[in-house]
Amino acid sequence: PYVIVCNHQASLDLLGMAEVIPERCVPIAKKELLYLGTVGWACWLSGIIFIDRHNRDTAIDVISQTARAMRRENVR
């Protein structure tokens, strides 16, 4: 298992990164991208996990749920 950390400069960079990373990886993005019209729809349809960076507890909860699902489904 590994974590890829990307410091992108624009909202559209995330879509390009989603094409480059391996199939079994799931990108995590800030929740604000969800509200950017077609970019938000494309991100949501591609399975990106959104976290609320302004609410620490909610962000931790989303990441914890994702980790539990990965363990339950035995995803590496």
N, C-alpha and C. Protein backbone atom coordinates (compact mmCIF):
# COMPACT_ATOMS: atom_id res chain seq x y z
N PRO A 1 0.82 -1.20 0.00
CA PRO A 1 0.00 0.00 0.00
C PRO A 1 0.86 1.26 0.00
N TYR A 2 0.38 2.30 -0.61
CA TYR A 2 1.12 3.55 -0.64
C TYR A 2 0.16 4.72 -0.77
N VAL A 3 0.67 5.89 -0.50
CA VAL A 3 -0.12 7.12 -0.61
C VAL A 3 0.62 8.04 -1.56
N ILE A 4 -0.12 8.58 -2.51
CA ILE A 4 0.44 9.55 -3.44
C ILE A 4 -0.09 10.92 -3.05
N VAL A 5 0.79 11.84 -2.76
CA VAL A 5 0.39 13.19 -2.38
C VAL A 5 0.75 14.12 -3.54
N CYS A 6 -0.25 14.82 -4.05
CA CYS A 6 -0.03 15.74 -5.17
C CYS A 6 -0.44 17.14 -4.76
N ASN A 7 0.43 18.07 -4.99
CA ASN A 7 0.13 19.46 -4.69
C ASN A 7 -0.22 20.15 -6.00
N HIS A 8 -1.49 20.09 -6.35
CA HIS A 8 -1.91 20.68 -7.61
C HIS A 8 -2.27 22.14 -7.41
N GLN A 9 -2.24 22.90 -8.49
CA GLN A 9 -2.45 24.34 -8.40
C GLN A 9 -3.83 24.78 -8.87
N ALA A 10 -4.54 23.93 -9.60
CA ALA A 10 -5.86 24.30 -10.11
C ALA A 10 -6.82 23.13 -9.92
N SER A 11 -8.10 23.42 -9.96
CA SER A 11 -9.12 22.39 -9.77
C SER A 11 -9.09 21.35 -10.87
N LEU A 12 -8.77 21.74 -12.08
CA LEU A 12 -8.76 20.81 -13.20
C LEU A 12 -7.58 19.85 -13.15
N ASP A 13 -6.56 20.16 -12.39
CA ASP A 13 -5.40 19.27 -12.27
C ASP A 13 -5.80 17.91 -11.71
N LEU A 14 -6.81 17.90 -10.86
CA LEU A 14 -7.25 16.65 -10.23
C LEU A 14 -7.73 15.65 -11.28
N LEU A 15 -8.43 16.13 -12.29
CA LEU A 15 -8.92 15.24 -13.34
C LEU A 15 -7.75 14.64 -14.13
N GLY A 16 -6.73 15.43 -14.38
CA GLY A 16 -5.54 14.91 -15.06
C GLY A 16 -4.80 13.89 -14.22
N MET A 17 -4.71 14.16 -12.92
CA MET A 17 -4.04 13.21 -12.02
C MET A 17 -4.81 11.90 -11.94
N ALA A 18 -6.14 11.97 -12.04
CA ALA A 18 -6.96 10.75 -11.98
C ALA A 18 -6.66 9.83 -13.16
N GLU A 19 -6.22 10.39 -14.26
CA GLU A 19 -5.87 9.58 -15.43
C GLU A 19 -4.49 8.94 -15.29
N VAL A 20 -3.62 9.55 -14.52
CA VAL A 20 -2.24 9.09 -14.41
C VAL A 20 -2.06 8.03 -13.33
N ILE A 21 -2.78 8.14 -12.24
CA ILE A 21 -2.59 7.21 -11.12
C ILE A 21 -3.15 5.83 -11.48
N PRO A 22 -2.67 4.78 -10.82
CA PRO A 22 -3.16 3.42 -11.12
C PRO A 22 -4.65 3.26 -10.88
N GLU A 23 -5.25 2.26 -11.53
CA GLU A 23 -6.69 2.02 -11.47
C GLU A 23 -7.20 1.80 -10.05
N ARG A 24 -6.43 1.14 -9.21
CA ARG A 24 -6.92 0.78 -7.88
C ARG A 24 -6.82 1.92 -6.87
N CYS A 25 -6.28 3.05 -7.27
CA CYS A 25 -6.17 4.21 -6.39
C CYS A 25 -7.43 5.06 -6.49
N VAL A 26 -7.78 5.67 -5.39
CA VAL A 26 -8.93 6.57 -5.35
C VAL A 26 -8.46 7.93 -4.86
N PRO A 27 -8.66 8.96 -5.65
CA PRO A 27 -8.26 10.29 -5.23
C PRO A 27 -9.17 10.84 -4.13
N ILE A 28 -8.59 11.66 -3.29
CA ILE A 28 -9.34 12.38 -2.26
C ILE A 28 -9.18 13.86 -2.58
N ALA A 29 -10.30 14.58 -2.60
CA ALA A 29 -10.27 15.99 -2.97
C ALA A 29 -11.06 16.81 -1.95
N LYS A 30 -10.82 18.10 -1.97
CA LYS A 30 -11.57 18.97 -1.07
C LYS A 30 -13.01 19.08 -1.54
N LYS A 31 -13.91 19.21 -0.59
CA LYS A 31 -15.34 19.19 -0.86
C LYS A 31 -15.79 20.34 -1.76
N GLU A 32 -15.05 21.43 -1.75
CA GLU A 32 -15.42 22.58 -2.56
C GLU A 32 -15.46 22.27 -4.04
N LEU A 33 -14.66 21.29 -4.49
CA LEU A 33 -14.65 20.93 -5.91
C LEU A 33 -15.98 20.35 -6.35
N LEU A 34 -16.72 19.78 -5.43
CA LEU A 34 -18.02 19.18 -5.75
C LEU A 34 -19.00 20.22 -6.29
N TYR A 35 -18.83 21.46 -5.93
CA TYR A 35 -19.77 22.52 -6.30
C TYR A 35 -19.30 23.34 -7.50
N LEU A 36 -18.38 22.82 -8.30
CA LEU A 36 -17.86 23.57 -9.45
C LEU A 36 -18.50 23.12 -10.77
N GLY A 37 -19.79 22.91 -10.76
CA GLY A 37 -20.51 22.59 -12.00
C GLY A 37 -20.06 21.29 -12.62
N THR A 38 -19.65 21.35 -13.88
CA THR A 38 -19.29 20.13 -14.60
C THR A 38 -18.05 19.47 -14.03
N VAL A 39 -17.14 20.24 -13.47
CA VAL A 39 -15.95 19.66 -12.82
C VAL A 39 -16.39 18.83 -11.62
N GLY A 40 -17.30 19.35 -10.83
CA GLY A 40 -17.81 18.63 -9.67
C GLY A 40 -18.52 17.35 -10.06
N TRP A 41 -19.35 17.42 -11.11
CA TRP A 41 -20.05 16.23 -11.59
C TRP A 41 -19.07 15.18 -12.08
N ALA A 42 -18.06 15.61 -12.83
CA ALA A 42 -17.07 14.67 -13.36
C ALA A 42 -16.29 14.01 -12.22
N CYS A 43 -15.92 14.79 -11.22
CA CYS A 43 -15.20 14.24 -10.07
C CYS A 43 -16.08 13.24 -9.32
N TRP A 44 -17.33 13.59 -9.11
CA TRP A 44 -18.25 12.73 -8.37
C TRP A 44 -18.50 11.43 -9.13
N LEU A 45 -18.69 11.52 -10.44
CA LEU A 45 -18.94 10.33 -11.24
C LEU A 45 -17.72 9.42 -11.35
N SER A 46 -16.54 10.00 -11.22
CA SER A 46 -15.32 9.17 -11.31
C SER A 46 -14.95 8.53 -9.98
N GLY A 47 -15.73 8.78 -8.93
CA GLY A 47 -15.52 8.10 -7.66
C GLY A 47 -14.57 8.77 -6.70
N ILE A 48 -14.32 10.03 -6.89
CA ILE A 48 -13.42 10.76 -5.99
C ILE A 48 -14.09 10.91 -4.63
N ILE A 49 -13.33 10.75 -3.57
CA ILE A 49 -13.82 10.92 -2.21
C ILE A 49 -13.58 12.36 -1.80
N PHE A 50 -14.63 13.03 -1.34
CA PHE A 50 -14.54 14.43 -0.97
C PHE A 50 -14.46 14.57 0.54
N ILE A 51 -13.53 15.43 1.00
CA ILE A 51 -13.41 15.71 2.43
C ILE A 51 -13.59 17.21 2.65
N ASP A 52 -14.15 17.53 3.81
CA ASP A 52 -14.36 18.92 4.20
C ASP A 52 -13.15 19.38 4.99
N ARG A 53 -12.30 20.16 4.36
CA ARG A 53 -11.06 20.59 5.01
C ARG A 53 -11.30 21.61 6.12
N HIS A 54 -12.48 22.20 6.15
CA HIS A 54 -12.78 23.20 7.18
C HIS A 54 -13.36 22.56 8.44
N ASN A 55 -13.75 21.29 8.36
CA ASN A 55 -14.30 20.59 9.51
C ASN A 55 -13.44 19.35 9.76
N ARG A 56 -12.51 19.47 10.66
CA ARG A 56 -11.51 18.43 10.91
C ARG A 56 -12.14 17.09 11.28
N ASP A 57 -13.14 17.11 12.15
CA ASP A 57 -13.77 15.86 12.60
C ASP A 57 -14.45 15.12 11.45
N THR A 58 -15.14 15.87 10.59
CA THR A 58 -15.80 15.25 9.44
C THR A 58 -14.78 14.66 8.48
N ALA A 59 -13.69 15.38 8.24
CA ALA A 59 -12.65 14.89 7.34
C ALA A 59 -12.04 13.60 7.87
N ILE A 60 -11.76 13.56 9.16
CA ILE A 60 -11.19 12.35 9.77
C ILE A 60 -12.18 11.20 9.66
N ASP A 61 -13.46 11.48 9.86
CA ASP A 61 -14.48 10.45 9.78
C ASP A 61 -14.57 9.86 8.37
N VAL A 62 -14.54 10.70 7.35
CA VAL A 62 -14.60 10.22 5.96
C VAL A 62 -13.40 9.36 5.63
N ILE A 63 -12.22 9.80 6.03
CA ILE A 63 -11.01 9.02 5.75
C ILE A 63 -11.03 7.70 6.53
N SER A 64 -11.52 7.71 7.76
CA SER A 64 -11.63 6.48 8.56
C SER A 64 -12.60 5.49 7.93
N GLN A 65 -13.73 5.99 7.46
CA GLN A 65 -14.70 5.12 6.78
C GLN A 65 -14.10 4.50 5.53
N THR A 66 -13.34 5.28 4.79
CA THR A 66 -12.69 4.77 3.59
C THR A 66 -11.68 3.68 3.95
N ALA A 67 -10.90 3.90 4.99
CA ALA A 67 -9.92 2.90 5.43
C ALA A 67 -10.61 1.62 5.89
N ARG A 68 -11.72 1.73 6.61
CA ARG A 68 -12.46 0.54 7.05
C ARG A 68 -13.01 -0.23 5.85
N ALA A 69 -13.53 0.49 4.85
CA ALA A 69 -14.05 -0.17 3.65
C ALA A 69 -12.93 -0.89 2.91
N MET A 70 -11.74 -0.28 2.86
CA MET A 70 -10.61 -0.92 2.19
C MET A 70 -10.20 -2.20 2.92
N ARG A 71 -10.20 -2.17 4.25
CA ARG A 71 -9.86 -3.37 5.01
C ARG A 71 -10.93 -4.45 4.86
N ARG A 72 -12.19 -4.04 4.90
CA ARG A 72 -13.30 -4.99 4.80
C ARG A 72 -13.31 -5.69 3.44
N GLU A 73 -13.01 -4.94 2.38
CA GLU A 73 -13.01 -5.50 1.03
C GLU A 73 -11.66 -6.07 0.64
N ASN A 74 -10.70 -6.03 1.57
CA ASN A 74 -9.35 -6.55 1.35
C ASN A 74 -8.68 -5.92 0.12
N VAL A 75 -8.80 -4.60 0.03
CA VAL A 75 -8.18 -3.85 -1.06
C VAL A 75 -6.76 -3.50 -0.67
N ARG A 76 -5.84 -3.71 -1.54
CA ARG A 76 -4.44 -3.37 -1.28
C ARG A 76 -4.04 -2.17 -2.08
